[in-house]
Protein backbone atom coordinates (compact mmCIF):
# COMPACT_ATOMS: atom_id res chain seq x y z
CA UNK A 1 91.50 109.13 81.96
CA UNK A 2 91.20 109.44 78.19
CA UNK A 3 88.01 108.90 76.18
CA UNK A 4 87.61 108.51 72.41
CA UNK A 5 84.35 109.98 71.10
CA UNK A 6 83.29 108.33 67.83
CA UNK A 7 80.28 109.97 66.17
CA UNK A 8 79.49 111.04 62.61
CA UNK A 9 77.49 114.02 63.87
CA UNK A 10 80.20 116.67 64.29
CA UNK A 11 78.03 118.99 66.38
CA UNK A 12 77.08 116.29 68.88
CA UNK A 13 80.65 115.01 68.86
CA UNK A 14 81.94 118.44 69.82
CA UNK A 15 79.28 118.90 72.52
CA UNK A 16 80.15 115.57 74.14
CA UNK A 17 83.88 116.37 73.99
CA UNK A 18 83.21 119.77 75.59
CA UNK A 19 81.21 118.16 78.42
CA UNK A 20 83.90 115.55 79.00
CA UNK A 21 86.70 118.13 79.01
CA UNK A 22 84.78 120.23 81.54
CA UNK A 23 84.49 117.11 83.70
CA UNK A 24 88.27 116.64 83.67
CA UNK A 25 88.62 113.94 81.01
CA UNK A 26 91.09 113.95 78.14
CA UNK A 27 89.39 113.38 74.80
CA UNK A 28 89.88 112.74 71.12
CA UNK A 29 87.26 112.85 68.37
CA UNK A 30 86.79 110.35 65.54
CA UNK A 31 84.15 110.72 62.85
CA UNK A 32 84.57 107.31 61.22
CA UNK A 33 85.16 103.77 62.51
CA UNK A 34 88.39 103.71 60.49
CA UNK A 35 89.67 106.80 62.33
CA UNK A 36 88.63 105.31 65.68
CA UNK A 37 90.66 102.17 64.97
CA UNK A 38 93.65 104.34 64.08
CA UNK A 39 93.38 106.23 67.39
CA UNK A 40 93.18 102.97 69.34
CA UNK A 41 96.33 101.76 67.60
CA UNK A 42 98.36 104.82 68.59
CA UNK A 43 96.92 105.83 71.99
CA UNK A 44 95.58 104.14 75.08
CA UNK A 45 91.96 104.90 75.99
CA UNK A 46 90.00 104.04 79.11
CA UNK A 47 86.73 104.33 77.22
CA UNK A 48 85.24 104.67 73.76
CA UNK A 49 81.85 106.25 73.07
CA UNK A 50 80.47 105.09 69.72
CA UNK A 51 77.24 105.96 67.92
CA UNK A 52 75.03 103.50 66.04
CA UNK A 53 74.69 106.08 63.24
CA UNK A 54 77.34 103.76 61.82
CA UNK A 55 75.92 100.42 60.74
CA UNK A 56 75.44 97.87 63.51
CA UNK A 57 77.78 95.56 61.64
CA UNK A 58 80.51 98.21 61.80
CA UNK A 59 79.82 98.89 65.48
CA UNK A 60 79.92 95.21 66.45
CA UNK A 61 83.16 94.65 64.55
CA UNK A 62 84.59 97.74 66.23
CA UNK A 63 83.62 96.47 69.70
CA UNK A 64 85.45 93.21 68.97
CA UNK A 65 88.48 95.13 67.68
CA UNK A 66 88.63 97.39 70.74
CA UNK A 67 88.13 94.60 73.27
CA UNK A 68 90.72 92.40 71.57
CA UNK A 69 93.23 95.24 71.68
CA UNK A 70 92.43 96.40 75.23
CA UNK A 71 90.27 93.87 77.13
CA UNK A 72 89.61 96.31 79.99
CA UNK A 73 88.46 99.22 77.82
CA UNK A 74 84.94 100.47 78.49
CA UNK A 75 82.55 100.99 75.58
CA UNK A 76 79.38 103.08 75.68
CA UNK A 77 76.92 102.90 72.80
CA UNK A 78 74.77 105.92 71.85
CA UNK A 79 71.72 105.15 69.77
CA UNK A 80 68.41 106.39 68.37
CA UNK A 81 67.18 102.81 68.41
CA UNK A 82 64.62 102.37 71.21
CA UNK A 83 64.44 98.59 70.80
CA UNK A 84 65.23 96.55 73.91
CA UNK A 85 66.45 93.74 71.62
CA UNK A 86 69.07 96.07 70.12
CA UNK A 87 70.27 97.15 73.55
CA UNK A 88 70.56 93.53 74.69
CA UNK A 89 72.47 92.61 71.53
CA UNK A 90 74.95 95.48 72.00
CA UNK A 91 75.55 94.53 75.64
CA UNK A 92 76.01 90.87 74.70
CA UNK A 93 78.52 91.91 72.03
CA UNK A 94 80.68 93.55 74.70
CA UNK A 95 79.36 97.09 75.19
CA UNK A 96 79.40 98.24 78.82
CA UNK A 97 76.42 100.59 78.55
CA UNK A 98 73.73 101.66 76.08
CA UNK A 99 72.41 105.22 76.16
CA UNK A 100 69.46 106.37 74.06
CA UNK A 101 69.36 109.73 72.32
CA UNK A 102 68.60 112.57 72.74
CA UNK A 103 71.49 112.82 75.17
CA UNK A 104 71.05 114.16 78.68
CA UNK A 105 74.60 115.33 79.36
CA UNK A 106 74.36 115.12 83.15
CA UNK A 107 73.20 111.51 82.85
CA UNK A 108 75.90 110.74 80.27
CA UNK A 109 78.70 112.05 82.51
CA UNK A 110 77.28 110.18 85.52
CA UNK A 111 77.13 106.88 83.62
CA UNK A 112 80.64 107.42 82.28
CA UNK A 113 81.88 108.01 85.84
CA UNK A 114 80.14 104.85 87.05
CA UNK A 115 81.51 102.71 84.21
CA UNK A 116 85.07 103.93 84.73
CA UNK A 117 84.86 103.61 88.51
CA UNK A 118 83.76 99.99 88.10
CA UNK A 119 86.89 99.33 86.09
CA UNK A 120 89.35 100.61 88.69
CA UNK A 121 90.75 97.50 90.30
CA UNK A 122 92.48 97.88 93.66
CA UNK A 123 94.89 95.04 92.92
CA UNK A 124 96.17 92.85 90.13
CA UNK A 125 97.03 89.24 90.91
CA UNK A 126 98.94 87.15 88.39
CA UNK A 127 99.91 83.76 89.80
CA UNK A 128 102.26 84.52 92.74
CA UNK A 129 102.63 88.22 91.86
CA UNK A 130 100.29 90.71 93.56
CA UNK A 131 100.24 94.43 92.73
CA UNK A 132 98.48 96.56 95.36
CA UNK A 133 97.39 99.84 93.79
CA UNK A 134 96.46 101.87 96.87
CA UNK A 135 99.58 100.87 98.82
CA UNK A 136 101.84 101.11 95.74
CA UNK A 137 103.36 97.82 96.75
CA UNK A 138 104.28 94.58 94.95
CA UNK A 139 104.21 91.23 96.75
CA UNK A 140 105.78 88.02 95.46
CA UNK A 141 105.72 84.80 97.49
CA UNK A 142 105.49 86.76 100.75
CA UNK A 143 108.28 89.19 99.85
CA UNK A 144 107.49 92.89 99.29
CA UNK A 145 108.93 95.76 97.29
CA UNK A 146 107.88 99.29 96.38
CA UNK A 147 109.22 102.18 94.32
CA UNK A 148 108.51 105.67 93.01
CA UNK A 149 104.93 106.47 92.04
CA UNK A 150 105.26 107.03 88.28
CA UNK A 151 107.37 103.90 87.86
CA UNK A 152 104.75 102.00 89.85
CA UNK A 153 102.02 103.36 87.56
CA UNK A 154 103.99 102.27 84.49
CA UNK A 155 104.36 98.79 85.99
CA UNK A 156 100.67 98.53 86.86
CA UNK A 157 99.58 99.80 83.44
CA UNK A 158 101.71 97.20 81.65
CA UNK A 159 100.39 94.50 84.00
CA UNK A 160 96.81 95.37 83.04
CA UNK A 161 97.57 94.36 79.45
CA UNK A 162 99.81 91.27 79.67
CA UNK A 163 101.61 90.19 76.50
CA UNK A 164 100.47 93.31 74.63
CA UNK A 165 103.10 95.67 73.24
CA UNK A 166 102.61 99.20 74.58
CA UNK A 167 104.68 102.03 73.16
CA UNK A 168 106.44 104.75 75.13
CA UNK A 169 103.96 107.26 73.72
CA UNK A 170 100.99 105.20 74.91
CA UNK A 171 102.51 104.93 78.39
CA UNK A 172 103.17 108.66 78.55
CA UNK A 173 99.65 109.38 77.37
CA UNK A 174 98.05 107.02 79.88
CA UNK A 175 100.01 108.10 82.96
CA UNK A 176 101.23 111.70 82.66
CA UNK A 177 98.77 114.59 82.82
CA UNK A 178 100.68 116.57 80.18
CA UNK A 179 102.59 113.93 78.19
CA UNK A 180 103.69 116.48 75.60
CA UNK A 181 105.83 118.16 78.28
CA UNK A 182 107.65 114.94 79.24
CA UNK A 183 110.44 113.28 77.29
CA UNK A 184 110.18 109.55 76.46
CA UNK A 185 113.35 109.02 78.51
CA UNK A 186 111.23 108.97 81.67
CA UNK A 187 109.78 105.65 80.49
CA UNK A 188 113.28 104.18 80.17
CA UNK A 189 114.03 105.36 83.72
CA UNK A 190 110.79 103.77 84.96
CA UNK A 191 111.51 100.46 83.22
CA UNK A 192 115.00 100.41 84.66
CA UNK A 193 113.61 101.00 88.15
CA UNK A 194 111.06 98.19 87.67
CA UNK A 195 113.86 95.81 86.73
CA UNK A 196 115.91 96.87 89.74
CA UNK A 197 113.07 96.89 92.27
CA UNK A 198 111.01 93.95 91.00
CA UNK A 199 112.89 91.65 88.64
CA UNK A 200 116.20 91.80 90.49
CA UNK A 201 114.64 91.58 93.96
CA UNK A 202 112.28 88.71 93.13
CA UNK A 203 114.56 87.07 90.52
CA UNK A 204 111.83 87.02 87.87
CA UNK A 205 111.31 88.67 84.47
CA UNK A 206 108.29 90.93 84.17
CA UNK A 207 108.96 93.45 81.39
CA UNK A 208 110.25 92.66 77.92
CA UNK A 209 111.61 95.36 75.60
CA UNK A 210 110.28 95.06 72.05
CA UNK A 211 112.79 96.95 69.94
CA UNK A 212 111.43 100.08 68.26
CA UNK A 213 107.90 99.23 69.43
CA UNK A 214 107.74 99.48 73.20
CA UNK A 215 107.37 97.12 76.14
CA UNK A 216 105.17 94.26 77.22
CA UNK A 217 104.40 92.62 80.53
CA UNK A 218 105.57 89.02 80.20
CA UNK A 219 105.13 87.41 83.62
CA UNK A 220 104.63 84.50 83.63
CA UNK A 221 106.50 83.71 80.43
CA UNK A 222 104.34 82.82 77.42
């Protein structure tokens, strides 16, 4: 699980990152909305924490940007604003939680855990195609197939973001614990296995290669 921490306050940013790292999360820090958008473009994140020290206009536009890019991403707002109206507005705009400062770090970690746990689906169903996470199994019109764990994780990750191009680097970052120690060739091996174990078996097309950019899940066809 990777979290992007977006706060102007460098001290608080570092403290939150430290707490997240100690809780087993991977993290990156951004100090501007512009930098946060850059990180979202180049890496996959399960969650973004963003502070309303930026203008609300910037924060709302950022929420829209993040949710358009990754519809399942979780967003937690940190704020000094005690107004209930502001909290309601942030939640209506797409934020998943609203936490008032000063930060209680135990509470922050707990609410992060809850938000991410709520987003862990046990299956993905797209028309006749069912992906069962816990059983690492794919079912199509009553027929079943399964394959090696990492390839399955690549398949499920792509299926979470249909018709979105995801690069090899983003896949490595999302699935491997230490992506810097793995060569991008493992993604090619995984894609090949998906095509052999899913596309060939079920006689459908699920993954499209986008030259020099990555892959996208394309079942059913656009």
